[in-house]
Amino acid sequence: MNKEWILLHLNEAREELTDTIQEMEQNPEYDFGEYFVAMMHLYNHLNTAWNSRDASPERVKACTAEEFERWRQFPTDIDMSVT
């Protein structure tokens, strides 16, 4: 696992989540558009942290636009079904 890369994305996700919660609690005008953008940003970092967890620092630096787009997508290897 590339812990440094994962931590970068998890810290970004934590910051977004903290900011989103604070904004929703304090701003009565907070609307769906703001929520939508915040969740896109949050999932971008969570998904990238998971999907690229094994990418070496060299692979991260040299990643293509296609790879980065794949890393951003919701994971396909996590079973979210209830058992």
C-alpha atoms as a PDB file:
ATOM      1  CA  MET A   1       0.000   0.000   0.000  1.00  0.00           C
ATOM      2  CA  ASN A   2       1.117   3.515  -0.771  1.00  0.00           C
ATOM      3  CA  LYS A   3       0.321   4.964   2.655  1.00  0.00           C
ATOM      4  CA  GLU A   4       1.531   8.467   1.854  1.00  0.00           C
ATOM      5  CA  TRP A   5      -0.786   8.669  -1.187  1.00  0.00           C
ATOM      6  CA  ILE A   6      -3.693   7.133   0.711  1.00  0.00           C
ATOM      7  CA  LEU A   7      -3.237   9.515   3.632  1.00  0.00           C
ATOM      8  CA  LEU A   8      -3.136  12.505   1.298  1.00  0.00           C
ATOM      9  CA  HIS A   9      -6.553  11.545  -0.062  1.00  0.00           C
ATOM     10  CA  LEU A  10      -8.054  10.513   3.282  1.00  0.00           C
ATOM     11  CA  ASN A  11      -6.990  13.816   4.822  1.00  0.00           C
ATOM     12  CA  GLU A  12      -8.556  15.704   1.910  1.00  0.00           C
ATOM     13  CA  ALA A  13     -11.743  13.661   2.372  1.00  0.00           C
ATOM     14  CA  ARG A  14     -11.771  14.347   6.111  1.00  0.00           C
ATOM     15  CA  GLU A  15     -11.377  18.070   5.478  1.00  0.00           C
ATOM     16  CA  GLU A  16     -14.238  18.067   2.968  1.00  0.00           C
ATOM     17  CA  LEU A  17     -16.494  16.095   5.304  1.00  0.00           C
ATOM     18  CA  THR A  18     -15.717  18.388   8.241  1.00  0.00           C
ATOM     19  CA  ASP A  19     -16.322  21.491   6.133  1.00  0.00           C
ATOM     20  CA  THR A  20     -19.566  20.082   4.706  1.00  0.00           C
ATOM     21  CA  ILE A  21     -20.964  19.219   8.133  1.00  0.00           C
ATOM     22  CA  GLN A  22     -20.011  22.617   9.520  1.00  0.00           C
ATOM     23  CA  GLU A  23     -21.510  24.441   6.545  1.00  0.00           C
ATOM     24  CA  MET A  24     -24.764  22.460   6.712  1.00  0.00           C
ATOM     25  CA  GLU A  25     -25.079  23.106  10.453  1.00  0.00           C
ATOM     26  CA  GLN A  26     -24.331  26.818  10.242  1.00  0.00           C
ATOM     27  CA  ASN A  27     -25.824  27.907   6.930  1.00  0.00           C
ATOM     28  CA  PRO A  28     -29.618  27.728   6.631  1.00  0.00           C
ATOM     29  CA  GLU A  29     -29.212  28.623   2.927  1.00  0.00           C
ATOM     30  CA  TYR A  30     -27.093  25.530   2.236  1.00  0.00           C
ATOM     31  CA  ASP A  31     -28.648  23.855  -0.776  1.00  0.00           C
ATOM     32  CA  PHE A  32     -28.477  20.766  -2.935  1.00  0.00           C
ATOM     33  CA  GLY A  33     -25.986  22.297  -5.371  1.00  0.00           C
ATOM     34  CA  GLU A  34     -23.457  22.902  -2.628  1.00  0.00           C
ATOM     35  CA  TYR A  35     -24.084  19.424  -1.214  1.00  0.00           C
ATOM     36  CA  PHE A  36     -23.664  17.847  -4.647  1.00  0.00           C
ATOM     37  CA  VAL A  37     -20.283  19.523  -5.218  1.00  0.00           C
ATOM     38  CA  ALA A  38     -19.103  18.633  -1.711  1.00  0.00           C
ATOM     39  CA  MET A  39     -20.041  14.971  -2.126  1.00  0.00           C
ATOM     40  CA  MET A  40     -18.335  14.792  -5.520  1.00  0.00           C
ATOM     41  CA  HIS A  41     -15.168  16.132  -3.907  1.00  0.00           C
ATOM     42  CA  LEU A  42     -15.469  13.757  -0.948  1.00  0.00           C
ATOM     43  CA  TYR A  43     -16.025  10.669  -3.109  1.00  0.00           C
ATOM     44  CA  ASN A  44     -13.228  11.693  -5.466  1.00  0.00           C
ATOM     45  CA  HIS A  45     -10.762  11.446  -2.586  1.00  0.00           C
ATOM     46  CA  LEU A  46     -12.250   8.362  -0.921  1.00  0.00           C
ATOM     47  CA  ASN A  47     -12.446   6.457  -4.183  1.00  0.00           C
ATOM     48  CA  THR A  48      -8.935   7.460  -5.213  1.00  0.00           C
ATOM     49  CA  ALA A  49      -7.578   6.441  -1.805  1.00  0.00           C
ATOM     50  CA  TRP A  50      -9.072   2.975  -2.290  1.00  0.00           C
ATOM     51  CA  ASN A  51      -8.658   2.361  -6.004  1.00  0.00           C
ATOM     52  CA  SER A  52      -5.039   3.522  -6.212  1.00  0.00           C
ATOM     53  CA  ARG A  53      -3.911   2.160  -2.851  1.00  0.00           C
ATOM     54  CA  ASP A  54      -1.281  -0.067  -4.460  1.00  0.00           C
ATOM     55  CA  ALA A  55       0.048   2.481  -6.943  1.00  0.00           C
ATOM     56  CA  SER A  56       3.714   3.173  -6.368  1.00  0.00           C
ATOM     57  CA  PRO A  57       4.868   6.766  -5.937  1.00  0.00           C
ATOM     58  CA  GLU A  58       6.339   6.511  -9.440  1.00  0.00           C
ATOM     59  CA  ARG A  59       3.008   5.290 -10.871  1.00  0.00           C
ATOM     60  CA  VAL A  60       1.168   8.124  -9.116  1.00  0.00           C
ATOM     61  CA  LYS A  61       3.529  10.713 -10.598  1.00  0.00           C
ATOM     62  CA  ALA A  62       3.242   9.214 -14.084  1.00  0.00           C
ATOM     63  CA  CYS A  63      -0.469   8.373 -14.036  1.00  0.00           C
ATOM     64  CA  THR A  64      -2.427   9.091 -17.163  1.00  0.00           C
ATOM     65  CA  ALA A  65      -5.712  10.959 -17.320  1.00  0.00           C
ATOM     66  CA  GLU A  66      -7.421   7.631 -17.975  1.00  0.00           C
ATOM     67  CA  GLU A  67      -5.871   6.042 -14.877  1.00  0.00           C
ATOM     68  CA  PHE A  68      -6.819   8.988 -12.709  1.00  0.00           C
ATOM     69  CA  GLU A  69     -10.374   8.850 -14.023  1.00  0.00           C
ATOM     70  CA  ARG A  70     -10.520   5.136 -13.171  1.00  0.00           C
ATOM     71  CA  TRP A  71      -9.151   5.796  -9.677  1.00  0.00           C
ATOM     72  CA  ARG A  72     -11.888   8.383  -9.055  1.00  0.00           C
ATOM     73  CA  GLN A  73     -14.758   5.985  -9.774  1.00  0.00           C
ATOM     74  CA  PHE A  74     -16.727   4.190  -7.081  1.00  0.00           C
ATOM     75  CA  PRO A  75     -14.891   0.942  -6.250  1.00  0.00           C
ATOM     76  CA  THR A  76     -16.076  -2.203  -7.950  1.00  0.00           C
ATOM     77  CA  ASP A  77     -14.285  -4.510  -5.531  1.00  0.00           C
ATOM     78  CA  ILE A  78     -16.207  -3.566  -2.392  1.00  0.00           C
ATOM     79  CA  ASP A  79     -19.402  -5.509  -1.781  1.00  0.00           C
ATOM     80  CA  MET A  80     -21.925  -3.125  -0.212  1.00  0.00           C
ATOM     81  CA  SER A  81     -24.774  -5.628  -0.179  1.00  0.00           C
ATOM     82  CA  VAL A  82     -26.329  -6.646   3.094  1.00  0.00           C
ATOM     83  CA  THR A  83     -25.694 -10.260   4.003  1.00  0.00           C
END
